Amino acid sequence: AGEVRATLAALEPLAREWSARVEQDDAVSKVSIVGVGMRTHTGVAQRMFAALAAERITVKMITTADIKISALVAKADGVRALRAVHQAFDLGKPRSLQGAPVVPLPSAHRDLAGLTRQLSDMEGILVSGVALEADQGRVTVIGLPDVPGNSSRVFQAIATGGIVVDMIVQNHSAGQPELSFSVPRGELWKAADLARKAAQAIAPTAQIAVDESIAIIHVGGVGMRTHTGVARKMFGALASRGINIAMINTSEVRLSVVVERQRGEEALACLKEVFGL
């Protein structure tokens, strides 16, 4: 609660300066699915959203990271959402392990003090890398009704096409949700066509916007979990060079932004300099 108040106090003067508005909603819960296999497997987002839709749970916001998808839902639906996603991915204890004996690890693998020291040292590394993906494109779906199941149907179509989605961001503009996602540029128009057909099957007036001139910049480091200011430093550096940010995604250890492709190399060099890499 204290961090929320501090955030609002920091944002409200800026909002007044820009004639904007700050809205707060603390009646929400976040449900996340995490797995390394997301980097190479399709259909993870579709399965997650289908599970929520089956429970008639409306998704208020979507964010993704390298190996994580998070959905914001009403706090009253939080426990049901968690159970639904848990069941959808069969996250119970595998039957093959039930009743199996517990085998202690050799002492060489139980040096907890050494492991703790190693992790503490890693936490001190605020940013350990900056990377550029210049081969991405973005699809935005506009005009889908804000009801459970619609995002699932769009990503089911994308998964059927065998396309791996990277960033996903859903927010609201002019009272209706906008769903944006990035895919490899070679799959961009195929993804756009699949998304258009799925969206217009739901709402004939739904529209698709395609941007093939984007790049994604990733800033990562284990120390981001316990240190503040990385986003401020990153956004400030890009703003000082007039580089606009089109999408933002965050996780505990990574911050990703979408910029114009023609500014990608400049943004990469800028951030490497800022973070001393």
C-alpha atoms as a PDB file:
ATOM      1  CA  ALA A   1       0.000   0.000   0.000  1.00  0.00           C
ATOM      2  CA  GLY A   2       2.869   2.333   0.794  1.00  0.00           C
ATOM      3  CA  GLU A   3       4.462   1.770  -2.602  1.00  0.00           C
ATOM      4  CA  VAL A   4       1.132   2.427  -4.340  1.00  0.00           C
ATOM      5  CA  ARG A   5       0.721   5.726  -2.501  1.00  0.00           C
ATOM      6  CA  ALA A   6       4.292   6.733  -3.323  1.00  0.00           C
ATOM      7  CA  THR A   7       3.763   5.852  -6.987  1.00  0.00           C
ATOM      8  CA  LEU A   8       0.556   7.880  -7.181  1.00  0.00           C
ATOM      9  CA  ALA A   9       2.240  10.829  -5.472  1.00  0.00           C
ATOM     10  CA  ALA A  10       5.015  10.728  -8.069  1.00  0.00           C
ATOM     11  CA  LEU A  11       2.692  10.371 -11.062  1.00  0.00           C
ATOM     12  CA  GLU A  12      -0.042  12.870 -10.255  1.00  0.00           C
ATOM     13  CA  PRO A  13       2.085  16.034 -10.758  1.00  0.00           C
ATOM     14  CA  LEU A  14       3.215  14.691 -14.138  1.00  0.00           C
ATOM     15  CA  ALA A  15      -0.361  13.859 -15.087  1.00  0.00           C
ATOM     16  CA  ARG A  16      -1.469  17.407 -14.280  1.00  0.00           C
ATOM     17  CA  GLU A  17       1.416  18.806 -16.307  1.00  0.00           C
ATOM     18  CA  TRP A  18       0.438  16.694 -19.330  1.00  0.00           C
ATOM     19  CA  SER A  19      -3.344  17.110 -18.841  1.00  0.00           C
ATOM     20  CA  ALA A  20      -3.537  13.362 -18.335  1.00  0.00           C
ATOM     21  CA  ARG A  21      -5.216  11.199 -15.721  1.00  0.00           C
ATOM     22  CA  VAL A  22      -3.931   8.565 -13.294  1.00  0.00           C
ATOM     23  CA  GLU A  23      -6.262   5.685 -12.449  1.00  0.00           C
ATOM     24  CA  GLN A  24      -5.783   3.228  -9.603  1.00  0.00           C
ATOM     25  CA  ASP A  25      -7.346  -0.202  -9.175  1.00  0.00           C
ATOM     26  CA  ASP A  26      -6.212  -2.216  -6.177  1.00  0.00           C
ATOM     27  CA  ALA A  27      -8.981  -4.813  -6.460  1.00  0.00           C
ATOM     28  CA  VAL A  28      -6.909  -7.005  -8.774  1.00  0.00           C
ATOM     29  CA  SER A  29      -4.751 -10.117  -8.589  1.00  0.00           C
ATOM     30  CA  LYS A  30      -1.986 -11.326 -10.897  1.00  0.00           C
ATOM     31  CA  VAL A  31      -1.780 -14.906 -12.126  1.00  0.00           C
ATOM     32  CA  SER A  32       1.390 -16.021 -13.909  1.00  0.00           C
ATOM     33  CA  ILE A  33       2.618 -19.102 -15.739  1.00  0.00           C
ATOM     34  CA  VAL A  34       6.382 -19.621 -15.993  1.00  0.00           C
ATOM     35  CA  GLY A  35       8.413 -22.105 -18.028  1.00  0.00           C
ATOM     36  CA  VAL A  36      11.593 -22.224 -20.089  1.00  0.00           C
ATOM     37  CA  GLY A  37       9.751 -24.133 -22.833  1.00  0.00           C
ATOM     38  CA  MET A  38       7.801 -20.987 -23.745  1.00  0.00           C
ATOM     39  CA  ARG A  39      10.780 -19.883 -25.826  1.00  0.00           C
ATOM     40  CA  THR A  40      10.167 -22.631 -28.386  1.00  0.00           C
ATOM     41  CA  HIS A  41       6.602 -23.901 -27.878  1.00  0.00           C
ATOM     42  CA  THR A  42       3.399 -22.412 -29.266  1.00  0.00           C
ATOM     43  CA  GLY A  43      -0.013 -22.351 -27.616  1.00  0.00           C
ATOM     44  CA  VAL A  44       0.954 -21.492 -24.023  1.00  0.00           C
ATOM     45  CA  ALA A  45      -0.933 -18.186 -24.040  1.00  0.00           C
ATOM     46  CA  GLN A  46      -3.947 -19.786 -25.704  1.00  0.00           C
ATOM     47  CA  ARG A  47      -4.132 -22.537 -23.076  1.00  0.00           C
ATOM     48  CA  MET A  48      -3.856 -20.064 -20.225  1.00  0.00           C
ATOM     49  CA  PHE A  49      -6.520 -17.718 -21.597  1.00  0.00           C
ATOM     50  CA  ALA A  50      -8.813 -20.639 -22.479  1.00  0.00           C
ATOM     51  CA  ALA A  51      -8.621 -21.868 -18.882  1.00  0.00           C
ATOM     52  CA  LEU A  52      -9.600 -18.428 -17.596  1.00  0.00           C
ATOM     53  CA  ALA A  53     -12.368 -18.120 -20.182  1.00  0.00           C
ATOM     54  CA  ALA A  54     -13.816 -21.488 -19.164  1.00  0.00           C
ATOM     55  CA  GLU A  55     -14.250 -20.032 -15.675  1.00  0.00           C
ATOM     56  CA  ARG A  56     -15.786 -16.852 -17.153  1.00  0.00           C
ATOM     57  CA  ILE A  57     -12.904 -14.782 -15.758  1.00  0.00           C
ATOM     58  CA  THR A  58     -12.258 -11.488 -17.544  1.00  0.00           C
ATOM     59  CA  VAL A  59      -8.612 -10.607 -18.134  1.00  0.00           C
ATOM     60  CA  LYS A  60      -7.963  -6.939 -17.372  1.00  0.00           C
ATOM     61  CA  MET A  61      -4.362  -6.787 -18.554  1.00  0.00           C
ATOM     62  CA  ILE A  62      -1.741  -9.085 -20.080  1.00  0.00           C
ATOM     63  CA  THR A  63       2.028  -8.847 -19.894  1.00  0.00           C
ATOM     64  CA  THR A  64       4.746 -11.272 -20.922  1.00  0.00           C
ATOM     65  CA  ALA A  65       8.439 -11.828 -20.392  1.00  0.00           C
ATOM     66  CA  ASP A  66      10.931 -14.275 -21.856  1.00  0.00           C
ATOM     67  CA  ILE A  67       9.519 -17.300 -20.020  1.00  0.00           C
ATOM     68  CA  LYS A  68       6.484 -15.850 -18.265  1.00  0.00           C
ATOM     69  CA  ILE A  69       2.913 -14.796 -19.072  1.00  0.00           C
ATOM     70  CA  SER A  70       0.913 -12.816 -16.512  1.00  0.00           C
ATOM     71  CA  ALA A  71      -2.772 -11.932 -16.478  1.00  0.00           C
ATOM     72  CA  LEU A  72      -4.412  -9.359 -14.233  1.00  0.00           C
ATOM     73  CA  VAL A  73      -7.875 -10.379 -13.021  1.00  0.00           C
ATOM     74  CA  ALA A  74     -10.362  -9.131 -10.450  1.00  0.00           C
ATOM     75  CA  LYS A  75      -9.209  -9.919  -6.916  1.00  0.00           C
ATOM     76  CA  ALA A  76     -12.468 -11.774  -6.277  1.00  0.00           C
ATOM     77  CA  ASP A  77     -11.531 -14.144  -9.123  1.00  0.00           C
ATOM     78  CA  GLY A  78      -7.896 -14.586  -8.078  1.00  0.00           C
ATOM     79  CA  VAL A  79      -8.134 -17.992  -6.397  1.00  0.00           C
ATOM     80  CA  ARG A  80     -10.363 -19.421  -9.139  1.00  0.00           C
ATOM     81  CA  ALA A  81      -7.964 -18.095 -11.766  1.00  0.00           C
ATOM     82  CA  LEU A  82      -4.981 -19.679 -10.035  1.00  0.00           C
ATOM     83  CA  ARG A  83      -6.730 -23.044  -9.791  1.00  0.00           C
ATOM     84  CA  ALA A  84      -7.890 -22.894 -13.408  1.00  0.00           C
ATOM     85  CA  VAL A  85      -4.406 -22.189 -14.771  1.00  0.00           C
ATOM     86  CA  HIS A  86      -2.865 -24.761 -12.417  1.00  0.00           C
ATOM     87  CA  GLN A  87      -5.225 -27.438 -13.738  1.00  0.00           C
ATOM     88  CA  ALA A  88      -4.834 -26.387 -17.371  1.00  0.00           C
ATOM     89  CA  PHE A  89      -1.094 -27.042 -17.248  1.00  0.00           C
ATOM     90  CA  ASP A  90      -1.413 -30.175 -15.091  1.00  0.00           C
ATOM     91  CA  LEU A  91       0.894 -28.755 -12.449  1.00  0.00           C
ATOM     92  CA  GLY A  92       0.108 -31.401  -9.856  1.00  0.00           C
ATOM     93  CA  LYS A  93       2.782 -33.776  -8.647  1.00  0.00           C
ATOM     94  CA  PRO A  94       3.577 -36.316 -11.420  1.00  0.00           C
ATOM     95  CA  ARG A  95       2.226 -39.802 -10.663  1.00  0.00           C
ATOM     96  CA  SER A  96       5.621 -41.308 -11.401  1.00  0.00           C
ATOM     97  CA  LEU A  97       7.018 -39.483  -8.359  1.00  0.00           C
ATOM     98  CA  GLN A  98       4.225 -40.279  -5.922  1.00  0.00           C
ATOM     99  CA  GLY A  99       5.534 -42.548  -3.204  1.00  0.00           C
ATOM    100  CA  ALA A 100       9.086 -42.410  -4.560  1.00  0.00           C
ATOM    101  CA  PRO A 101      11.800 -42.485  -1.907  1.00  0.00           C
ATOM    102  CA  VAL A 102      13.588 -39.262  -1.074  1.00  0.00           C
ATOM    103  CA  VAL A 103      17.271 -39.640  -1.927  1.00  0.00           C
ATOM    104  CA  PRO A 104      19.588 -37.181  -0.152  1.00  0.00           C
ATOM    105  CA  LEU A 105      22.040 -35.286  -2.326  1.00  0.00           C
ATOM    106  CA  PRO A 106      25.757 -35.790  -1.827  1.00  0.00           C
ATOM    107  CA  SER A 107      27.312 -33.323   0.583  1.00  0.00           C
ATOM    108  CA  ALA A 108      29.080 -31.602  -2.324  1.00  0.00           C
ATOM    109  CA  HIS A 109      25.676 -30.454  -3.560  1.00  0.00           C
ATOM    110  CA  ARG A 110      24.456 -29.256  -0.182  1.00  0.00           C
ATOM    111  CA  ASP A 111      26.809 -26.355   0.373  1.00  0.00           C
ATOM    112  CA  LEU A 112      23.956 -23.975   1.139  1.00  0.00           C
ATOM    113  CA  ALA A 113      26.252 -21.318   2.559  1.00  0.00           C
ATOM    114  CA  GLY A 114      28.266 -21.265  -0.654  1.00  0.00           C
ATOM    115  CA  LEU A 115      25.122 -21.142  -2.767  1.00  0.00           C
ATOM    116  CA  THR A 116      23.762 -18.281  -0.689  1.00  0.00           C
ATOM    117  CA  ARG A 117      26.989 -16.332  -1.117  1.00  0.00           C
ATOM    118  CA  GLN A 118      26.897 -16.918  -4.877  1.00  0.00           C
ATOM    119  CA  LEU A 119      23.310 -15.697  -5.162  1.00  0.00           C
ATOM    120  CA  SER A 120      24.082 -12.653  -3.024  1.00  0.00           C
ATOM    121  CA  ASP A 121      26.945 -11.759  -5.340  1.00  0.00           C
ATOM    122  CA  MET A 122      24.633 -12.091  -8.362  1.00  0.00           C
ATOM    123  CA  GLU A 123      22.046  -9.822  -6.726  1.00  0.00           C
ATOM    124  CA  GLY A 124      24.683  -7.110  -6.689  1.00  0.00           C
ATOM    125  CA  ILE A 125      24.866  -7.153 -10.493  1.00  0.00           C
ATOM    126  CA  LEU A 126      22.158  -4.651 -11.354  1.00  0.00           C
ATOM    127  CA  VAL A 127      22.233  -5.053 -15.160  1.00  0.00           C
ATOM    128  CA  SER A 128      24.287  -7.811 -16.741  1.00  0.00           C
ATOM    129  CA  GLY A 129      23.253  -7.520 -20.372  1.00  0.00           C
ATOM    130  CA  VAL A 130      21.516  -5.486 -23.066  1.00  0.00           C
ATOM    131  CA  ALA A 131      20.298  -7.212 -26.242  1.00  0.00           C
ATOM    132  CA  LEU A 132      18.638  -6.177 -29.498  1.00  0.00           C
ATOM    133  CA  GLU A 133      16.103  -8.160 -31.549  1.00  0.00           C
ATOM    134  CA  ALA A 134      15.745  -6.440 -34.908  1.00  0.00           C
ATOM    135  CA  ASP A 135      13.793  -9.197 -36.664  1.00  0.00           C
ATOM    136  CA  GLN A 136      10.389  -8.693 -35.013  1.00  0.00           C
ATOM    137  CA  GLY A 137       7.038  -7.322 -36.133  1.00  0.00           C
ATOM    138  CA  ARG A 138       3.938  -6.287 -34.196  1.00  0.00           C
ATOM    139  CA  VAL A 139       0.247  -7.085 -34.646  1.00  0.00           C
ATOM    140  CA  THR A 140      -2.437  -5.087 -32.816  1.00  0.00           C
ATOM    141  CA  VAL A 141      -6.052  -6.257 -32.566  1.00  0.00           C
ATOM    142  CA  ILE A 142      -8.526  -3.412 -32.047  1.00  0.00           C
ATOM    143  CA  GLY A 143     -12.226  -3.639 -31.285  1.00  0.00           C
ATOM    144  CA  LEU A 144     -12.614  -7.029 -29.609  1.00  0.00           C
ATOM    145  CA  PRO A 145     -15.420  -7.057 -27.019  1.00  0.00           C
ATOM    146  CA  ASP A 146     -14.061  -7.200 -23.470  1.00  0.00           C
ATOM    147  CA  VAL A 147     -15.461 -10.613 -22.537  1.00  0.00           C
ATOM    148  CA  PRO A 148     -13.784 -13.849 -21.415  1.00  0.00           C
ATOM    149  CA  GLY A 149     -12.465 -16.073 -24.193  1.00  0.00           C
ATOM    150  CA  ASN A 150     -11.693 -13.572 -26.930  1.00  0.00           C
ATOM    151  CA  SER A 151      -7.938 -13.412 -26.337  1.00  0.00           C
ATOM    152  CA  SER A 152      -7.889 -17.197 -26.166  1.00  0.00           C
ATOM    153  CA  ARG A 153      -9.519 -17.497 -29.600  1.00  0.00           C
ATOM    154  CA  VAL A 154      -7.004 -15.119 -31.158  1.00  0.00           C
ATOM    155  CA  PHE A 155      -4.004 -16.952 -29.730  1.00  0.00           C
ATOM    156  CA  GLN A 156      -5.508 -20.326 -30.559  1.00  0.00           C
ATOM    157  CA  ALA A 157      -5.447 -19.231 -34.195  1.00  0.00           C
ATOM    158  CA  ILE A 158      -1.841 -18.050 -33.878  1.00  0.00           C
ATOM    159  CA  ALA A 159      -0.792 -21.319 -32.221  1.00  0.00           C
ATOM    160  CA  THR A 160      -2.531 -23.343 -34.931  1.00  0.00           C
ATOM    161  CA  GLY A 161      -0.289 -21.549 -37.409  1.00  0.00           C
ATOM    162  CA  GLY A 162       2.781 -22.741 -35.495  1.00  0.00           C
ATOM    163  CA  ILE A 163       3.879 -19.182 -34.695  1.00  0.00           C
ATOM    164  CA  VAL A 164       5.830 -18.432 -31.509  1.00  0.00           C
ATOM    165  CA  VAL A 165       4.675 -15.183 -29.877  1.00  0.00           C
ATOM    166  CA  ASP A 166       7.180 -13.092 -27.920  1.00  0.00           C
ATOM    167  CA  MET A 167       5.732  -9.996 -26.238  1.00  0.00           C
ATOM    168  CA  ILE A 168       2.016  -9.678 -25.449  1.00  0.00           C
ATOM    169  CA  VAL A 169       0.452  -6.510 -24.060  1.00  0.00           C
ATOM    170  CA  GLN A 170      -3.255  -5.877 -23.517  1.00  0.00           C
ATOM    171  CA  ASN A 171      -4.565  -2.548 -22.309  1.00  0.00           C
ATOM    172  CA  HIS A 172      -7.601  -0.338 -22.782  1.00  0.00           C
ATOM    173  CA  SER A 173      -7.871   2.634 -25.127  1.00  0.00           C
ATOM    174  CA  ALA A 174     -11.033   4.693 -25.626  1.00  0.00           C
ATOM    175  CA  GLY A 175     -12.985   2.228 -23.514  1.00  0.00           C
ATOM    176  CA  GLN A 176     -12.074  -0.907 -25.458  1.00  0.00           C
ATOM    177  CA  PRO A 177      -9.199  -3.371 -25.170  1.00  0.00           C
ATOM    178  CA  GLU A 178      -6.248  -3.322 -27.537  1.00  0.00           C
ATOM    179  CA  LEU A 179      -4.275  -6.535 -27.817  1.00  0.00           C
ATOM    180  CA  SER A 180      -0.741  -6.245 -29.218  1.00  0.00           C
ATOM    181  CA  PHE A 181       1.827  -8.992 -29.702  1.00  0.00           C
ATOM    182  CA  SER A 182       5.165  -9.408 -31.420  1.00  0.00           C
ATOM    183  CA  VAL A 183       6.270 -12.278 -33.658  1.00  0.00           C
ATOM    184  CA  PRO A 184       9.283 -12.965 -35.888  1.00  0.00           C
ATOM    185  CA  ARG A 185       9.067 -10.709 -38.943  1.00  0.00           C
ATOM    186  CA  GLY A 186       9.059 -13.684 -41.288  1.00  0.00           C
ATOM    187  CA  GLU A 187       5.775 -14.825 -39.689  1.00  0.00           C
ATOM    188  CA  LEU A 188       4.255 -11.351 -39.339  1.00  0.00           C
ATOM    189  CA  TRP A 189       1.752 -11.315 -42.190  1.00  0.00           C
ATOM    190  CA  LYS A 190       0.711 -14.901 -41.561  1.00  0.00           C
ATOM    191  CA  ALA A 191       0.101 -14.015 -37.903  1.00  0.00           C
ATOM    192  CA  ALA A 192      -1.815 -10.877 -38.896  1.00  0.00           C
ATOM    193  CA  ASP A 193      -4.062 -12.844 -41.258  1.00  0.00           C
ATOM    194  CA  LEU A 194      -4.781 -15.503 -38.630  1.00  0.00           C
ATOM    195  CA  ALA A 195      -5.497 -12.843 -35.999  1.00  0.00           C
ATOM    196  CA  ARG A 196      -7.769 -10.917 -38.386  1.00  0.00           C
ATOM    197  CA  LYS A 197      -9.856 -14.003 -39.215  1.00  0.00           C
ATOM    198  CA  ALA A 198     -10.172 -14.968 -35.557  1.00  0.00           C
ATOM    199  CA  ALA A 199     -11.001 -11.432 -34.422  1.00  0.00           C
ATOM    200  CA  GLN A 200     -13.560 -10.765 -37.150  1.00  0.00           C
ATOM    201  CA  ALA A 201     -15.247 -14.097 -36.432  1.00  0.00           C
ATOM    202  CA  ILE A 202     -15.881 -12.654 -32.968  1.00  0.00           C
ATOM    203  CA  ALA A 203     -16.603  -9.048 -33.982  1.00  0.00           C
ATOM    204  CA  PRO A 204     -16.913  -8.248 -37.716  1.00  0.00           C
ATOM    205  CA  THR A 205     -15.827  -4.655 -37.068  1.00  0.00           C
ATOM    206  CA  ALA A 206     -12.566  -5.673 -35.367  1.00  0.00           C
ATOM    207  CA  GLN A 207      -9.460  -4.246 -37.013  1.00  0.00           C
ATOM    208  CA  ILE A 208      -5.844  -5.341 -37.328  1.00  0.00           C
ATOM    209  CA  ALA A 209      -2.837  -3.018 -37.413  1.00  0.00           C
ATOM    210  CA  VAL A 210       0.578  -4.293 -38.504  1.00  0.00           C
ATOM    211  CA  ASP A 211       3.961  -2.722 -37.814  1.00  0.00           C
ATOM    212  CA  GLU A 212       6.927  -4.403 -39.489  1.00  0.00           C
ATOM    213  CA  SER A 213       9.409  -1.694 -38.505  1.00  0.00           C
ATOM    214  CA  ILE A 214      10.054  -2.488 -34.856  1.00  0.00           C
ATOM    215  CA  ALA A 215      12.969  -3.693 -32.778  1.00  0.00           C
ATOM    216  CA  ILE A 216      12.936  -5.034 -29.231  1.00  0.00           C
ATOM    217  CA  ILE A 217      15.539  -4.014 -26.678  1.00  0.00           C
ATOM    218  CA  HIS A 218      16.033  -6.210 -23.602  1.00  0.00           C
ATOM    219  CA  VAL A 219      17.796  -5.110 -20.419  1.00  0.00           C
ATOM    220  CA  GLY A 220      18.412  -7.901 -17.914  1.00  0.00           C
ATOM    221  CA  GLY A 221      20.068  -8.600 -14.592  1.00  0.00           C
ATOM    222  CA  VAL A 222      19.372 -10.623 -11.457  1.00  0.00           C
ATOM    223  CA  GLY A 223      19.932  -7.519  -9.347  1.00  0.00           C
ATOM    224  CA  MET A 224      16.815  -5.916 -10.839  1.00  0.00           C
ATOM    225  CA  ARG A 225      14.767  -7.968  -8.373  1.00  0.00           C
ATOM    226  CA  THR A 226      16.087  -6.026  -5.409  1.00  0.00           C
ATOM    227  CA  HIS A 227      17.141  -2.663  -6.855  1.00  0.00           C
ATOM    228  CA  THR A 228      14.949   0.165  -8.127  1.00  0.00           C
ATOM    229  CA  GLY A 229      15.668   2.705 -10.833  1.00  0.00           C
ATOM    230  CA  VAL A 230      16.497   0.517 -13.846  1.00  0.00           C
ATOM    231  CA  ALA A 231      13.346   1.545 -15.726  1.00  0.00           C
ATOM    232  CA  ARG A 232      13.897   5.225 -14.904  1.00  0.00           C
ATOM    233  CA  LYS A 233      17.474   5.036 -16.128  1.00  0.00           C
ATOM    234  CA  MET A 234      16.522   3.122 -19.269  1.00  0.00           C
ATOM    235  CA  PHE A 235      13.572   5.305 -20.242  1.00  0.00           C
ATOM    236  CA  GLY A 236      15.465   8.494 -19.426  1.00  0.00           C
ATOM    237  CA  ALA A 237      18.373   7.477 -21.642  1.00  0.00           C
ATOM    238  CA  LEU A 238      16.092   6.671 -24.577  1.00  0.00           C
ATOM    239  CA  ALA A 239      14.073   9.868 -24.090  1.00  0.00           C
ATOM    240  CA  SER A 240      17.228  11.990 -24.064  1.00  0.00           C
ATOM    241  CA  ARG A 241      17.904  10.749 -27.590  1.00  0.00           C
ATOM    242  CA  GLY A 242      14.326  11.156 -28.780  1.00  0.00           C
ATOM    243  CA  ILE A 243      13.734   7.402 -29.093  1.00  0.00           C
ATOM    244  CA  ASN A 244      10.041   6.641 -28.632  1.00  0.00           C
ATOM    245  CA  ILE A 245       8.860   3.523 -26.786  1.00  0.00           C
ATOM    246  CA  ALA A 246       5.875   1.717 -28.323  1.00  0.00           C
ATOM    247  CA  MET A 247       5.495  -1.241 -25.928  1.00  0.00           C
ATOM    248  CA  ILE A 248       6.882  -2.151 -22.512  1.00  0.00           C
ATOM    249  CA  ASN A 249       7.147  -5.521 -20.792  1.00  0.00           C
ATOM    250  CA  THR A 250       8.706  -6.310 -17.436  1.00  0.00           C
ATOM    251  CA  SER A 251       9.616  -9.284 -15.306  1.00  0.00           C
ATOM    252  CA  GLU A 252      11.627  -9.689 -12.119  1.00  0.00           C
ATOM    253  CA  VAL A 253      14.923  -9.818 -14.010  1.00  0.00           C
ATOM    254  CA  ARG A 254      14.227  -8.300 -17.438  1.00  0.00           C
ATOM    255  CA  LEU A 255      12.813  -5.121 -18.940  1.00  0.00           C
ATOM    256  CA  SER A 256      11.882  -5.088 -22.642  1.00  0.00           C
ATOM    257  CA  VAL A 257      10.771  -2.226 -24.873  1.00  0.00           C
ATOM    258  CA  VAL A 258       9.702  -1.902 -28.490  1.00  0.00           C
ATOM    259  CA  VAL A 259      11.272   0.920 -30.508  1.00  0.00           C
ATOM    260  CA  GLU A 260      11.510   1.850 -34.180  1.00  0.00           C
ATOM    261  CA  ARG A 261      13.765  -0.601 -36.006  1.00  0.00           C
ATOM    262  CA  GLN A 262      15.813   2.178 -37.580  1.00  0.00           C
ATOM    263  CA  ARG A 263      16.679   3.406 -34.066  1.00  0.00           C
ATOM    264  CA  GLY A 264      17.421  -0.061 -32.694  1.00  0.00           C
ATOM    265  CA  GLU A 265      21.214  -0.023 -32.983  1.00  0.00           C
ATOM    266  CA  GLU A 266      21.310   3.499 -31.567  1.00  0.00           C
ATOM    267  CA  ALA A 267      19.151   2.436 -28.625  1.00  0.00           C
ATOM    268  CA  LEU A 268      21.369  -0.591 -28.010  1.00  0.00           C
ATOM    269  CA  ALA A 269      24.561   1.483 -27.967  1.00  0.00           C
ATOM    270  CA  CYS A 270      22.907   4.106 -25.767  1.00  0.00           C
ATOM    271  CA  LEU A 271      21.829   1.601 -23.121  1.00  0.00           C
ATOM    272  CA  LYS A 272      25.142  -0.240 -23.119  1.00  0.00           C
ATOM    273  CA  GLU A 273      26.819   3.066 -22.388  1.00  0.00           C
ATOM    274  CA  VAL A 274      24.330   4.021 -19.684  1.00  0.00           C
ATOM    275  CA  PHE A 275      24.689   0.695 -17.865  1.00  0.00           C
ATOM    276  CA  GLY A 276      28.449   0.480 -18.362  1.00  0.00           C
ATOM    277  CA  LEU A 277      28.448  -2.645 -20.525  1.00  0.00           C
END
